[in-house]
């Protein structure tokens, strides 16, 4: 899967995951947030998210902390 991480209007980071057939720049155009923080490809390996890659068109790349940001959105509390 591909991903982009945006900074929302309050300064919080919001990850968006999407299929590989959609270009990063196409997804960027659809989102209302003004700032793209990072992006690339995300994989699930041994139960952990792995983020890699660069997006030349948006001048961004995956960061070490992206996997943790994405993981936080998959944790549910009851």
N, C-alpha and C. Protein backbone atom coordinates (compact mmCIF):
# COMPACT_ATOMS: atom_id res chain seq x y z
N UNK A 1 0.85 -1.18 0.00
CA UNK A 1 0.00 0.00 0.00
C UNK A 1 0.89 1.24 0.00
N UNK A 2 0.31 2.31 -0.44
CA UNK A 2 0.98 3.61 -0.38
C UNK A 2 0.41 4.39 0.79
N UNK A 3 1.14 5.42 1.20
CA UNK A 3 0.62 6.27 2.27
C UNK A 3 1.15 7.69 2.12
N UNK A 4 0.40 8.61 2.69
CA UNK A 4 0.81 9.99 2.89
C UNK A 4 0.46 10.36 4.32
N UNK A 5 1.28 11.17 4.93
CA UNK A 5 0.97 11.70 6.25
C UNK A 5 0.86 13.21 6.11
N UNK A 6 -0.29 13.72 6.54
CA UNK A 6 -0.60 15.14 6.47
C UNK A 6 -0.58 15.74 7.86
N UNK A 7 -0.38 17.03 7.91
CA UNK A 7 -0.58 17.78 9.15
C UNK A 7 -1.93 18.47 9.01
N UNK A 8 -2.84 18.22 9.96
CA UNK A 8 -4.16 18.83 9.86
C UNK A 8 -4.11 20.26 10.38
N UNK A 9 -5.26 20.92 10.39
CA UNK A 9 -5.33 22.33 10.73
C UNK A 9 -5.00 22.63 12.19
N UNK A 10 -5.05 21.60 13.04
CA UNK A 10 -4.69 21.79 14.45
C UNK A 10 -3.25 21.36 14.74
N UNK A 11 -2.54 20.90 13.71
CA UNK A 11 -1.15 20.49 13.88
C UNK A 11 -0.95 19.01 14.14
N UNK A 12 -2.04 18.24 14.21
CA UNK A 12 -1.95 16.80 14.40
C UNK A 12 -1.60 16.13 13.07
N UNK A 13 -0.93 14.97 13.16
CA UNK A 13 -0.60 14.24 11.94
C UNK A 13 -1.69 13.21 11.63
N UNK A 14 -2.02 13.10 10.34
CA UNK A 14 -3.09 12.21 9.87
C UNK A 14 -2.54 11.34 8.75
N UNK A 15 -2.45 10.00 8.97
CA UNK A 15 -2.00 9.14 7.88
C UNK A 15 -3.17 8.72 6.99
N UNK A 16 -2.90 8.64 5.71
CA UNK A 16 -3.87 8.17 4.73
C UNK A 16 -3.21 7.01 3.98
N UNK A 17 -3.83 5.83 4.02
CA UNK A 17 -3.33 4.66 3.29
C UNK A 17 -4.22 4.42 2.08
N UNK A 18 -3.61 4.05 0.96
CA UNK A 18 -4.39 3.87 -0.27
C UNK A 18 -3.71 2.86 -1.19
N UNK A 19 -4.45 2.33 -2.16
CA UNK A 19 -3.91 1.29 -3.05
C UNK A 19 -2.78 1.80 -3.94
N UNK A 20 -1.94 0.88 -4.36
CA UNK A 20 -0.78 1.23 -5.18
C UNK A 20 -1.17 1.77 -6.55
N UNK A 21 -2.35 1.47 -7.05
CA UNK A 21 -2.73 1.96 -8.39
C UNK A 21 -3.02 3.46 -8.40
N UNK A 22 -3.18 4.07 -7.23
CA UNK A 22 -3.40 5.52 -7.13
C UNK A 22 -2.05 6.19 -6.92
N UNK A 23 -1.76 7.22 -7.70
CA UNK A 23 -0.51 7.95 -7.55
C UNK A 23 -0.54 8.81 -6.30
N UNK A 24 0.61 8.97 -5.68
CA UNK A 24 0.70 9.82 -4.49
C UNK A 24 0.18 11.24 -4.78
N UNK A 25 0.57 11.77 -5.92
CA UNK A 25 0.17 13.14 -6.24
C UNK A 25 -1.34 13.24 -6.51
N UNK A 26 -1.96 12.17 -7.00
CA UNK A 26 -3.41 12.17 -7.18
C UNK A 26 -4.12 12.20 -5.82
N UNK A 27 -3.63 11.42 -4.88
CA UNK A 27 -4.22 11.42 -3.54
C UNK A 27 -4.01 12.77 -2.87
N UNK A 28 -2.83 13.34 -3.06
CA UNK A 28 -2.53 14.65 -2.47
C UNK A 28 -3.56 15.69 -2.93
N UNK A 29 -3.91 15.65 -4.21
CA UNK A 29 -4.86 16.62 -4.76
C UNK A 29 -6.25 16.49 -4.14
N UNK A 30 -6.59 15.31 -3.63
CA UNK A 30 -7.92 15.06 -3.09
C UNK A 30 -8.07 15.46 -1.62
N UNK A 31 -6.95 15.71 -0.94
CA UNK A 31 -7.00 15.97 0.49
C UNK A 31 -7.02 17.47 0.78
N UNK A 32 -7.84 17.89 1.76
CA UNK A 32 -7.95 19.31 2.06
C UNK A 32 -6.81 19.88 2.90
N UNK A 33 -5.97 19.01 3.46
CA UNK A 33 -4.91 19.48 4.34
C UNK A 33 -3.82 20.20 3.55
N UNK A 34 -3.27 21.25 4.14
CA UNK A 34 -2.31 22.07 3.40
C UNK A 34 -0.90 21.52 3.40
N UNK A 35 -0.52 20.74 4.41
CA UNK A 35 0.88 20.31 4.51
C UNK A 35 1.01 18.79 4.45
N UNK A 36 1.84 18.31 3.53
CA UNK A 36 2.20 16.89 3.46
C UNK A 36 3.51 16.75 4.22
N UNK A 37 3.52 15.88 5.22
CA UNK A 37 4.69 15.70 6.07
C UNK A 37 5.64 14.64 5.50
N UNK A 38 5.08 13.52 5.07
CA UNK A 38 5.90 12.42 4.55
C UNK A 38 5.03 11.46 3.76
N UNK A 39 5.67 10.47 3.15
CA UNK A 39 4.92 9.48 2.40
C UNK A 39 5.84 8.47 1.76
N UNK A 40 5.23 7.43 1.23
CA UNK A 40 5.98 6.35 0.60
C UNK A 40 5.12 5.11 0.50
N UNK A 41 5.71 3.98 0.86
CA UNK A 41 5.03 2.69 0.83
C UNK A 41 5.01 2.11 2.23
N UNK A 42 3.92 1.43 2.57
CA UNK A 42 3.80 0.82 3.89
C UNK A 42 3.49 -0.66 3.72
N UNK A 43 4.18 -1.48 4.50
CA UNK A 43 4.03 -2.93 4.48
C UNK A 43 3.79 -3.42 5.89
N UNK A 44 3.13 -4.55 6.03
CA UNK A 44 2.96 -5.20 7.32
C UNK A 44 3.84 -6.44 7.32
N UNK A 45 4.82 -6.48 8.22
CA UNK A 45 5.74 -7.61 8.30
C UNK A 45 5.86 -8.05 9.75
N UNK A 46 5.54 -9.31 9.99
CA UNK A 46 5.59 -9.86 11.35
C UNK A 46 4.79 -9.01 12.34
N UNK A 47 3.65 -8.51 11.90
CA UNK A 47 2.77 -7.74 12.76
C UNK A 47 3.19 -6.30 12.99
N UNK A 48 4.19 -5.82 12.25
CA UNK A 48 4.66 -4.44 12.41
C UNK A 48 4.63 -3.73 11.07
N UNK A 49 4.30 -2.44 11.12
CA UNK A 49 4.32 -1.63 9.91
C UNK A 49 5.75 -1.24 9.57
N UNK A 50 6.07 -1.29 8.29
CA UNK A 50 7.35 -0.87 7.77
C UNK A 50 7.08 0.18 6.70
N UNK A 51 7.71 1.34 6.82
CA UNK A 51 7.52 2.43 5.86
C UNK A 51 8.83 2.67 5.12
N UNK A 52 8.73 2.76 3.79
CA UNK A 52 9.91 2.95 2.96
C UNK A 52 9.56 3.82 1.76
N UNK A 53 10.60 4.30 1.11
CA UNK A 53 10.43 4.95 -0.18
C UNK A 53 10.43 6.46 -0.17
N UNK A 54 10.39 6.99 -1.40
CA UNK A 54 10.35 8.43 -1.64
C UNK A 54 9.25 8.73 -2.64
N UNK A 55 8.79 9.97 -2.61
CA UNK A 55 7.81 10.44 -3.60
C UNK A 55 8.43 11.69 -4.24
N UNK A 56 9.11 11.48 -5.35
CA UNK A 56 9.83 12.58 -6.01
C UNK A 56 8.91 13.74 -6.38
N UNK A 57 7.72 13.40 -6.86
CA UNK A 57 6.79 14.44 -7.32
C UNK A 57 6.37 15.39 -6.19
N UNK A 58 6.34 14.89 -4.96
CA UNK A 58 5.94 15.71 -3.82
C UNK A 58 7.13 16.12 -2.96
N UNK A 59 8.33 15.67 -3.33
CA UNK A 59 9.57 15.99 -2.61
C UNK A 59 9.49 15.57 -1.14
N UNK A 60 9.00 14.34 -0.90
CA UNK A 60 8.90 13.80 0.45
C UNK A 60 9.43 12.37 0.45
N UNK A 61 9.65 11.84 1.64
CA UNK A 61 10.06 10.44 1.77
C UNK A 61 9.54 9.88 3.09
N UNK A 62 9.66 8.58 3.22
CA UNK A 62 9.27 7.90 4.45
C UNK A 62 10.24 8.29 5.57
N UNK A 63 9.72 8.37 6.78
CA UNK A 63 10.54 8.67 7.95
C UNK A 63 10.46 7.50 8.92
N UNK A 64 11.43 7.40 9.80
CA UNK A 64 11.45 6.32 10.79
C UNK A 64 10.18 6.30 11.65
N UNK A 65 9.68 7.46 12.01
CA UNK A 65 8.52 7.53 12.92
C UNK A 65 7.17 7.32 12.23
N UNK A 66 7.14 7.21 10.91
CA UNK A 66 5.87 7.04 10.19
C UNK A 66 5.14 5.76 10.58
N UNK A 67 5.88 4.67 10.75
CA UNK A 67 5.25 3.40 11.12
C UNK A 67 4.51 3.50 12.45
N UNK A 68 5.08 4.20 13.40
CA UNK A 68 4.43 4.37 14.70
C UNK A 68 3.18 5.25 14.58
N UNK A 69 3.25 6.28 13.76
CA UNK A 69 2.08 7.14 13.53
C UNK A 69 0.94 6.33 12.93
N UNK A 70 1.25 5.53 11.92
CA UNK A 70 0.22 4.69 11.29
C UNK A 70 -0.33 3.68 12.29
N UNK A 71 0.55 3.06 13.06
CA UNK A 71 0.13 2.05 14.05
C UNK A 71 -0.86 2.63 15.06
N UNK A 72 -0.65 3.86 15.48
CA UNK A 72 -1.55 4.49 16.48
C UNK A 72 -3.00 4.52 15.99
N UNK A 73 -3.21 4.61 14.69
CA UNK A 73 -4.57 4.68 14.15
C UNK A 73 -5.24 3.32 14.05
N UNK A 74 -4.49 2.25 14.30
CA UNK A 74 -5.04 0.90 14.29
C UNK A 74 -5.27 0.35 15.69
N UNK A 75 -4.92 1.10 16.70
CA UNK A 75 -5.12 0.66 18.08
C UNK A 75 -6.46 1.19 18.56
N UNK A 76 -7.30 0.28 19.01
CA UNK A 76 -8.63 0.65 19.49
C UNK A 76 -8.70 0.41 20.99
N UNK A 77 -9.33 1.32 21.68
CA UNK A 77 -9.56 1.09 23.12
C UNK A 77 -11.05 0.93 23.34
N UNK A 78 -11.37 0.07 24.27
CA UNK A 78 -12.79 -0.20 24.54
C UNK A 78 -13.20 0.40 25.87
